[in-house]
Amino acid sequence: MLGNIHSYESFGTVDGPGIRYVVFLQGCPLRCKFCHNPDTWDIKGKNKLVSSKEVFDELIKYKNFFGKDGGLTVSGGEPLLQSDFVLELFKICKENNINTVLDTSGYIFNDKVKEILKYTDLVLLDIKCIDEKIYKELTGVDLKNTLDLLEYLKEIKKDVWVRHVIVPGITDDDVLLTRLAHYLEKFGNIKKIELLPYHTLGVFKYEKLKMSYPLLGTKPLSEERLLAAKKIFKQVK
């Protein structure tokens, strides 16, 4: 099974627990206004096609650095656009006792995804906004599948880390943050909630690709507002 790979990170420390080998796959159905990797959108992007065995043969070289918590994280783009490749890669990893993490928006949720989850140790689930209308305006797609996936992960007792980017003028809103915090309260399988501040580090990619940046002029989230958001989630807990 061949995968269209965008890039790799050998010693990732932010995409799951421990030291991780991170594989970023090409292709994404979302068009998030704050996306800092628009070069991953096109699944036919000009990248090398690599087999799951080749990826495994490379990541296994770093096994001694993984320790008890580290392992492989598959991200994107949206990795579930290449579900067959992810499934085969995760199967190989589990046969070799490698921890697996799936970083996803949850937009793609079907029987193949359920099969992948059997070989997944942790899901990093990006919830862009809890309001359906704002979510659609922000990403170009519907929220339903993401929430359905979260419900299913609760049902199968699969560990989840929820990620939420706080964007000034859009999701940097106390009412929305409180709604999200209350919604997530019922999920005992959520082990961590990561509130991520909006930044502008990817703007240069839009310029390089000759694309207009949707949030031009939006300033990075202040430390003060990030702390305020974290306080809301602590209070709900």
C-alpha atoms as a PDB file:
ATOM      1  CA  MET A   1       0.000   0.000   0.000  1.00  0.00           C
ATOM      2  CA  LEU A   2       1.438   3.363  -1.071  1.00  0.00           C
ATOM      3  CA  GLY A   3       0.902   6.623   0.767  1.00  0.00           C
ATOM      4  CA  ASN A   4       1.376  10.152  -0.511  1.00  0.00           C
ATOM      5  CA  ILE A   5       3.651  11.605   2.155  1.00  0.00           C
ATOM      6  CA  HIS A   6       3.994  15.337   2.676  1.00  0.00           C
ATOM      7  CA  SER A   7       6.803  15.258   5.254  1.00  0.00           C
ATOM      8  CA  TYR A   8       8.277  13.591   8.342  1.00  0.00           C
ATOM      9  CA  GLU A   9       9.416  14.667  11.780  1.00  0.00           C
ATOM     10  CA  SER A  10      11.883  12.343  13.481  1.00  0.00           C
ATOM     11  CA  PHE A  11      11.723  13.620  17.064  1.00  0.00           C
ATOM     12  CA  GLY A  12       8.254  15.112  17.510  1.00  0.00           C
ATOM     13  CA  THR A  13       7.278  16.172  21.027  1.00  0.00           C
ATOM     14  CA  VAL A  14       3.903  17.883  20.517  1.00  0.00           C
ATOM     15  CA  ASP A  15       1.885  15.307  18.558  1.00  0.00           C
ATOM     16  CA  GLY A  16       1.165  12.813  21.304  1.00  0.00           C
ATOM     17  CA  PRO A  17       3.000  11.479  24.355  1.00  0.00           C
ATOM     18  CA  GLY A  18       6.756  10.971  24.506  1.00  0.00           C
ATOM     19  CA  ILE A  19       9.143  11.188  21.559  1.00  0.00           C
ATOM     20  CA  ARG A  20       7.330  10.496  18.317  1.00  0.00           C
ATOM     21  CA  TYR A  21       8.068   9.800  14.689  1.00  0.00           C
ATOM     22  CA  VAL A  22       5.465  11.930  12.905  1.00  0.00           C
ATOM     23  CA  VAL A  23       4.283  11.223   9.373  1.00  0.00           C
ATOM     24  CA  PHE A  24       2.349  14.032   7.694  1.00  0.00           C
ATOM     25  CA  LEU A  25       0.145  12.738   4.891  1.00  0.00           C
ATOM     26  CA  GLN A  26      -0.915  14.717   1.849  1.00  0.00           C
ATOM     27  CA  GLY A  27      -4.539  15.729   1.323  1.00  0.00           C
ATOM     28  CA  CYS A  28      -7.247  17.453   3.364  1.00  0.00           C
ATOM     29  CA  PRO A  29     -10.979  18.059   2.704  1.00  0.00           C
ATOM     30  CA  LEU A  30     -11.091  20.975   5.159  1.00  0.00           C
ATOM     31  CA  ARG A  31     -10.180  24.531   4.240  1.00  0.00           C
ATOM     32  CA  CYS A  32      -9.605  26.015   7.665  1.00  0.00           C
ATOM     33  CA  LYS A  33      -9.129  29.768   7.529  1.00  0.00           C
ATOM     34  CA  PHE A  34      -6.272  29.510  10.019  1.00  0.00           C
ATOM     35  CA  CYS A  35      -4.530  26.539   8.370  1.00  0.00           C
ATOM     36  CA  HIS A  36      -0.763  26.984   8.341  1.00  0.00           C
ATOM     37  CA  ASN A  37      -0.137  24.102   5.920  1.00  0.00           C
ATOM     38  CA  PRO A  38      -2.142  24.836   2.739  1.00  0.00           C
ATOM     39  CA  ASP A  39       0.503  22.886   0.840  1.00  0.00           C
ATOM     40  CA  THR A  40      -1.003  19.695   2.318  1.00  0.00           C
ATOM     41  CA  TRP A  41      -4.501  20.243   0.902  1.00  0.00           C
ATOM     42  CA  ASP A  42      -4.118  18.638  -2.532  1.00  0.00           C
ATOM     43  CA  ILE A  43      -3.953  14.862  -2.147  1.00  0.00           C
ATOM     44  CA  LYS A  44      -2.209  14.736  -5.534  1.00  0.00           C
ATOM     45  CA  GLY A  45       0.500  17.083  -4.324  1.00  0.00           C
ATOM     46  CA  LYS A  46       3.930  16.542  -5.823  1.00  0.00           C
ATOM     47  CA  ASN A  47       5.343  14.308  -3.127  1.00  0.00           C
ATOM     48  CA  LYS A  48       6.908  10.898  -3.067  1.00  0.00           C
ATOM     49  CA  LEU A  49       4.682   7.835  -2.914  1.00  0.00           C
ATOM     50  CA  VAL A  50       6.021   5.559  -0.181  1.00  0.00           C
ATOM     51  CA  SER A  51       4.910   2.123   0.975  1.00  0.00           C
ATOM     52  CA  SER A  52       3.805   1.493   4.552  1.00  0.00           C
ATOM     53  CA  LYS A  53       6.700  -0.961   4.893  1.00  0.00           C
ATOM     54  CA  GLU A  54       9.196   1.721   3.843  1.00  0.00           C
ATOM     55  CA  VAL A  55       7.778   4.145   6.410  1.00  0.00           C
ATOM     56  CA  PHE A  56       7.961   1.504   9.119  1.00  0.00           C
ATOM     57  CA  ASP A  57      11.531   0.555   8.190  1.00  0.00           C
ATOM     58  CA  GLU A  58      12.496   4.196   8.694  1.00  0.00           C
ATOM     59  CA  LEU A  59      10.630   4.839  11.940  1.00  0.00           C
ATOM     60  CA  ILE A  60      11.861   1.633  13.592  1.00  0.00           C
ATOM     61  CA  LYS A  61      15.372   3.117  13.529  1.00  0.00           C
ATOM     62  CA  TYR A  62      14.197   5.519  16.254  1.00  0.00           C
ATOM     63  CA  LYS A  63      12.543   2.915  18.489  1.00  0.00           C
ATOM     64  CA  ASN A  64      15.203   3.228  21.196  1.00  0.00           C
ATOM     65  CA  PHE A  65      14.258   6.884  21.633  1.00  0.00           C
ATOM     66  CA  PHE A  66      10.536   6.234  22.032  1.00  0.00           C
ATOM     67  CA  GLY A  67      10.706   4.941  25.601  1.00  0.00           C
ATOM     68  CA  LYS A  68       7.479   3.683  27.163  1.00  0.00           C
ATOM     69  CA  ASP A  69       5.261   6.502  25.828  1.00  0.00           C
ATOM     70  CA  GLY A  70       6.581   7.432  22.375  1.00  0.00           C
ATOM     71  CA  GLY A  71       5.921   5.938  18.970  1.00  0.00           C
ATOM     72  CA  LEU A  72       4.318   6.819  15.656  1.00  0.00           C
ATOM     73  CA  THR A  73       1.894   9.670  14.995  1.00  0.00           C
ATOM     74  CA  VAL A  74       0.128   9.944  11.647  1.00  0.00           C
ATOM     75  CA  SER A  75      -1.067  13.447  10.875  1.00  0.00           C
ATOM     76  CA  GLY A  76      -1.761  15.600   7.850  1.00  0.00           C
ATOM     77  CA  GLY A  77      -3.510  17.239   6.133  1.00  0.00           C
ATOM     78  CA  GLU A  78      -6.196  14.772   7.049  1.00  0.00           C
ATOM     79  CA  PRO A  79      -4.617  11.295   7.297  1.00  0.00           C
ATOM     80  CA  LEU A  80      -7.955   9.493   6.999  1.00  0.00           C
ATOM     81  CA  LEU A  81      -8.144  10.532   3.346  1.00  0.00           C
ATOM     82  CA  GLN A  82      -5.559   7.758   2.955  1.00  0.00           C
ATOM     83  CA  SER A  83      -7.281   5.271   5.264  1.00  0.00           C
ATOM     84  CA  ASP A  84      -5.986   2.100   3.597  1.00  0.00           C
ATOM     85  CA  PHE A  85      -2.412   3.278   3.981  1.00  0.00           C
ATOM     86  CA  VAL A  86      -2.913   4.276   7.633  1.00  0.00           C
ATOM     87  CA  LEU A  87      -4.565   0.951   8.424  1.00  0.00           C
ATOM     88  CA  GLU A  88      -1.716  -1.068   6.951  1.00  0.00           C
ATOM     89  CA  LEU A  89       0.934   1.072   8.653  1.00  0.00           C
ATOM     90  CA  PHE A  90      -0.776   0.864  12.048  1.00  0.00           C
ATOM     91  CA  LYS A  91      -1.147  -2.899  11.738  1.00  0.00           C
ATOM     92  CA  ILE A  92       2.582  -3.252  11.143  1.00  0.00           C
ATOM     93  CA  CYS A  93       3.305  -1.003  14.125  1.00  0.00           C
ATOM     94  CA  LYS A  94       1.103  -2.975  16.492  1.00  0.00           C
ATOM     95  CA  GLU A  95       2.724  -6.231  15.329  1.00  0.00           C
ATOM     96  CA  ASN A  96       6.002  -4.673  16.485  1.00  0.00           C
ATOM     97  CA  ASN A  97       4.716  -3.097  19.726  1.00  0.00           C
ATOM     98  CA  ILE A  98       4.936   0.479  18.466  1.00  0.00           C
ATOM     99  CA  ASN A  99       2.523   2.976  20.048  1.00  0.00           C
ATOM    100  CA  THR A 100       0.202   4.575  17.466  1.00  0.00           C
ATOM    101  CA  VAL A 101      -1.468   7.984  17.506  1.00  0.00           C
ATOM    102  CA  LEU A 102      -3.966   9.281  14.951  1.00  0.00           C
ATOM    103  CA  ASP A 103      -4.197  13.065  14.533  1.00  0.00           C
ATOM    104  CA  THR A 104      -7.499  13.856  12.794  1.00  0.00           C
ATOM    105  CA  SER A 105     -10.236  16.435  12.304  1.00  0.00           C
ATOM    106  CA  GLY A 106     -12.802  13.639  12.556  1.00  0.00           C
ATOM    107  CA  TYR A 107     -14.469  14.739   9.328  1.00  0.00           C
ATOM    108  CA  ILE A 108     -14.054  11.277   7.798  1.00  0.00           C
ATOM    109  CA  PHE A 109     -15.873   8.698   9.898  1.00  0.00           C
ATOM    110  CA  ASN A 110     -16.853   5.342   8.407  1.00  0.00           C
ATOM    111  CA  ASP A 111     -16.312   1.595   8.843  1.00  0.00           C
ATOM    112  CA  LYS A 112     -12.715   1.808   7.595  1.00  0.00           C
ATOM    113  CA  VAL A 113     -11.978   4.390  10.287  1.00  0.00           C
ATOM    114  CA  LYS A 114     -13.511   2.089  12.888  1.00  0.00           C
ATOM    115  CA  GLU A 115     -11.132  -0.627  11.706  1.00  0.00           C
ATOM    116  CA  ILE A 116      -8.148   1.736  12.002  1.00  0.00           C
ATOM    117  CA  LEU A 117      -9.165   2.569  15.570  1.00  0.00           C
ATOM    118  CA  LYS A 118      -8.634  -1.073  16.550  1.00  0.00           C
ATOM    119  CA  TYR A 119      -4.922  -0.482  15.968  1.00  0.00           C
ATOM    120  CA  THR A 120      -4.836   3.045  17.427  1.00  0.00           C
ATOM    121  CA  ASP A 121      -3.663   3.774  20.976  1.00  0.00           C
ATOM    122  CA  LEU A 122      -4.648   7.443  21.108  1.00  0.00           C
ATOM    123  CA  VAL A 123      -6.655   9.857  18.987  1.00  0.00           C
ATOM    124  CA  LEU A 124      -5.757  13.538  18.748  1.00  0.00           C
ATOM    125  CA  LEU A 125      -9.085  15.070  17.747  1.00  0.00           C
ATOM    126  CA  ASP A 126      -9.176  18.629  16.420  1.00  0.00           C
ATOM    127  CA  ILE A 127     -12.443  20.366  17.236  1.00  0.00           C
ATOM    128  CA  LYS A 128     -12.302  23.712  15.460  1.00  0.00           C
ATOM    129  CA  CYS A 129     -15.488  25.135  16.986  1.00  0.00           C
ATOM    130  CA  ILE A 130     -18.520  23.774  18.852  1.00  0.00           C
ATOM    131  CA  ASP A 131     -20.992  25.976  16.968  1.00  0.00           C
ATOM    132  CA  GLU A 132     -22.117  24.254  13.753  1.00  0.00           C
ATOM    133  CA  LYS A 133     -22.606  27.445  11.750  1.00  0.00           C
ATOM    134  CA  ILE A 134     -19.265  28.960  12.751  1.00  0.00           C
ATOM    135  CA  TYR A 135     -17.558  25.594  12.219  1.00  0.00           C
ATOM    136  CA  LYS A 136     -18.849  25.485   8.624  1.00  0.00           C
ATOM    137  CA  GLU A 137     -17.743  29.076   7.962  1.00  0.00           C
ATOM    138  CA  LEU A 138     -14.329  28.366   9.474  1.00  0.00           C
ATOM    139  CA  THR A 139     -13.583  25.030   7.798  1.00  0.00           C
ATOM    140  CA  GLY A 140     -15.880  24.691   4.790  1.00  0.00           C
ATOM    141  CA  VAL A 141     -17.310  21.373   6.076  1.00  0.00           C
ATOM    142  CA  ASP A 142     -19.889  20.180   8.621  1.00  0.00           C
ATOM    143  CA  LEU A 143     -19.199  19.449  12.286  1.00  0.00           C
ATOM    144  CA  LYS A 144     -21.443  16.384  12.648  1.00  0.00           C
ATOM    145  CA  ASN A 145     -18.937  13.654  11.763  1.00  0.00           C
ATOM    146  CA  THR A 146     -16.394  15.006  14.245  1.00  0.00           C
ATOM    147  CA  LEU A 147     -18.876  14.840  17.113  1.00  0.00           C
ATOM    148  CA  ASP A 148     -20.122  11.417  15.948  1.00  0.00           C
ATOM    149  CA  LEU A 149     -16.536  10.166  16.012  1.00  0.00           C
ATOM    150  CA  LEU A 150     -16.055  11.528  19.522  1.00  0.00           C
ATOM    151  CA  GLU A 151     -19.199   9.711  20.668  1.00  0.00           C
ATOM    152  CA  TYR A 152     -17.919   6.489  19.109  1.00  0.00           C
ATOM    153  CA  LEU A 153     -14.539   6.890  20.803  1.00  0.00           C
ATOM    154  CA  LYS A 154     -16.376   7.192  24.107  1.00  0.00           C
ATOM    155  CA  GLU A 155     -18.367   4.056  23.282  1.00  0.00           C
ATOM    156  CA  ILE A 156     -15.230   1.990  22.594  1.00  0.00           C
ATOM    157  CA  LYS A 157     -13.344   3.619  25.493  1.00  0.00           C
ATOM    158  CA  LYS A 158     -10.555   4.938  23.257  1.00  0.00           C
ATOM    159  CA  ASP A 159      -8.284   7.571  24.792  1.00  0.00           C
ATOM    160  CA  VAL A 160      -8.566  11.030  23.246  1.00  0.00           C
ATOM    161  CA  TRP A 161      -6.719  14.310  23.414  1.00  0.00           C
ATOM    162  CA  VAL A 162      -8.897  17.156  22.167  1.00  0.00           C
ATOM    163  CA  ARG A 163      -7.202  20.052  20.409  1.00  0.00           C
ATOM    164  CA  HIS A 164      -8.828  23.442  19.953  1.00  0.00           C
ATOM    165  CA  VAL A 165      -7.262  26.437  18.229  1.00  0.00           C
ATOM    166  CA  ILE A 166      -8.362  29.775  19.680  1.00  0.00           C
ATOM    167  CA  VAL A 167      -8.630  32.365  16.919  1.00  0.00           C
ATOM    168  CA  PRO A 168      -9.134  36.057  17.784  1.00  0.00           C
ATOM    169  CA  GLY A 169     -12.438  37.321  16.436  1.00  0.00           C
ATOM    170  CA  ILE A 170     -13.756  33.815  15.748  1.00  0.00           C
ATOM    171  CA  THR A 171     -13.293  31.172  18.453  1.00  0.00           C
ATOM    172  CA  ASP A 172     -11.772  33.500  21.039  1.00  0.00           C
ATOM    173  CA  ASP A 173     -15.182  33.929  22.626  1.00  0.00           C
ATOM    174  CA  ASP A 174     -16.049  33.139  26.242  1.00  0.00           C
ATOM    175  CA  VAL A 175     -19.521  31.861  25.336  1.00  0.00           C
ATOM    176  CA  LEU A 176     -18.164  29.451  22.697  1.00  0.00           C
ATOM    177  CA  LEU A 177     -15.343  28.305  24.963  1.00  0.00           C
ATOM    178  CA  THR A 178     -17.792  27.649  27.793  1.00  0.00           C
ATOM    179  CA  ARG A 179     -20.085  25.708  25.446  1.00  0.00           C
ATOM    180  CA  LEU A 180     -17.188  23.542  24.308  1.00  0.00           C
ATOM    181  CA  ALA A 181     -15.964  22.964  27.855  1.00  0.00           C
ATOM    182  CA  HIS A 182     -19.428  21.861  28.984  1.00  0.00           C
ATOM    183  CA  TYR A 183     -19.872  19.634  25.941  1.00  0.00           C
ATOM    184  CA  LEU A 184     -16.598  17.803  26.567  1.00  0.00           C
ATOM    185  CA  GLU A 185     -17.399  17.321  30.247  1.00  0.00           C
ATOM    186  CA  LYS A 186     -19.308  14.077  29.661  1.00  0.00           C
ATOM    187  CA  PHE A 187     -16.456  12.274  27.902  1.00  0.00           C
ATOM    188  CA  GLY A 188     -14.470  10.290  30.457  1.00  0.00           C
ATOM    189  CA  ASN A 189     -12.152   9.030  27.724  1.00  0.00           C
ATOM    190  CA  ILE A 190     -10.776  12.539  27.093  1.00  0.00           C
ATOM    191  CA  LYS A 191      -7.409  12.505  28.823  1.00  0.00           C
ATOM    192  CA  LYS A 192      -6.242  15.964  27.812  1.00  0.00           C
ATOM    193  CA  ILE A 193      -7.586  19.180  26.290  1.00  0.00           C
ATOM    194  CA  GLU A 194      -5.026  21.275  24.445  1.00  0.00           C
ATOM    195  CA  LEU A 195      -5.971  24.912  23.902  1.00  0.00           C
ATOM    196  CA  LEU A 196      -3.736  26.177  21.127  1.00  0.00           C
ATOM    197  CA  PRO A 197      -3.162  29.876  20.422  1.00  0.00           C
ATOM    198  CA  TYR A 198      -3.677  31.085  16.860  1.00  0.00           C
ATOM    199  CA  HIS A 199      -0.431  32.140  15.193  1.00  0.00           C
ATOM    200  CA  THR A 200       0.636  33.524  11.818  1.00  0.00           C
ATOM    201  CA  LEU A 201       3.674  31.344  11.171  1.00  0.00           C
ATOM    202  CA  GLY A 202       2.160  29.826   8.039  1.00  0.00           C
ATOM    203  CA  VAL A 203       1.365  33.085   6.237  1.00  0.00           C
ATOM    204  CA  PHE A 204       4.572  32.867   4.190  1.00  0.00           C
ATOM    205  CA  LYS A 205       3.347  29.593   2.655  1.00  0.00           C
ATOM    206  CA  TYR A 206       0.303  31.350   1.218  1.00  0.00           C
ATOM    207  CA  GLU A 207       2.568  33.991  -0.265  1.00  0.00           C
ATOM    208  CA  LYS A 208       4.821  31.308  -1.742  1.00  0.00           C
ATOM    209  CA  LEU A 209       1.817  29.496  -3.238  1.00  0.00           C
ATOM    210  CA  LYS A 210       0.371  32.808  -4.466  1.00  0.00           C
ATOM    211  CA  MET A 211      -2.751  32.284  -2.359  1.00  0.00           C
ATOM    212  CA  SER A 212      -4.638  34.930  -0.395  1.00  0.00           C
ATOM    213  CA  TYR A 213      -4.553  34.373   3.369  1.00  0.00           C
ATOM    214  CA  PRO A 214      -8.149  34.401   4.744  1.00  0.00           C
ATOM    215  CA  LEU A 215      -7.247  35.883   8.133  1.00  0.00           C
ATOM    216  CA  LEU A 216      -4.816  38.532   6.963  1.00  0.00           C
ATOM    217  CA  GLY A 217      -4.539  41.180   9.672  1.00  0.00           C
ATOM    218  CA  THR A 218      -5.614  38.854  12.492  1.00  0.00           C
ATOM    219  CA  LYS A 219      -3.064  39.104  15.266  1.00  0.00           C
ATOM    220  CA  PRO A 220      -1.743  36.093  17.219  1.00  0.00           C
ATOM    221  CA  LEU A 221      -3.698  35.233  20.365  1.00  0.00           C
ATOM    222  CA  SER A 222      -2.403  37.056  23.418  1.00  0.00           C
ATOM    223  CA  GLU A 223      -1.073  35.195  26.431  1.00  0.00           C
ATOM    224  CA  GLU A 224      -3.750  36.907  28.501  1.00  0.00           C
ATOM    225  CA  ARG A 225      -6.587  35.501  26.378  1.00  0.00           C
ATOM    226  CA  LEU A 226      -5.042  32.033  26.344  1.00  0.00           C
ATOM    227  CA  LEU A 227      -4.891  32.059  30.149  1.00  0.00           C
ATOM    228  CA  ALA A 228      -8.510  33.251  30.283  1.00  0.00           C
ATOM    229  CA  ALA A 229      -9.570  30.347  28.055  1.00  0.00           C
ATOM    230  CA  LYS A 230      -7.718  27.843  30.202  1.00  0.00           C
ATOM    231  CA  LYS A 231      -9.425  29.277  33.267  1.00  0.00           C
ATOM    232  CA  ILE A 232     -12.843  28.658  31.698  1.00  0.00           C
ATOM    233  CA  PHE A 233     -12.032  24.986  31.135  1.00  0.00           C
ATOM    234  CA  LYS A 234     -10.673  24.594  34.666  1.00  0.00           C
ATOM    235  CA  GLN A 235     -13.823  26.101  36.136  1.00  0.00           C
ATOM    236  CA  VAL A 236     -16.063  23.751  34.174  1.00  0.00           C
ATOM    237  CA  LYS A 237     -14.013  20.774  35.347  1.00  0.00           C
END
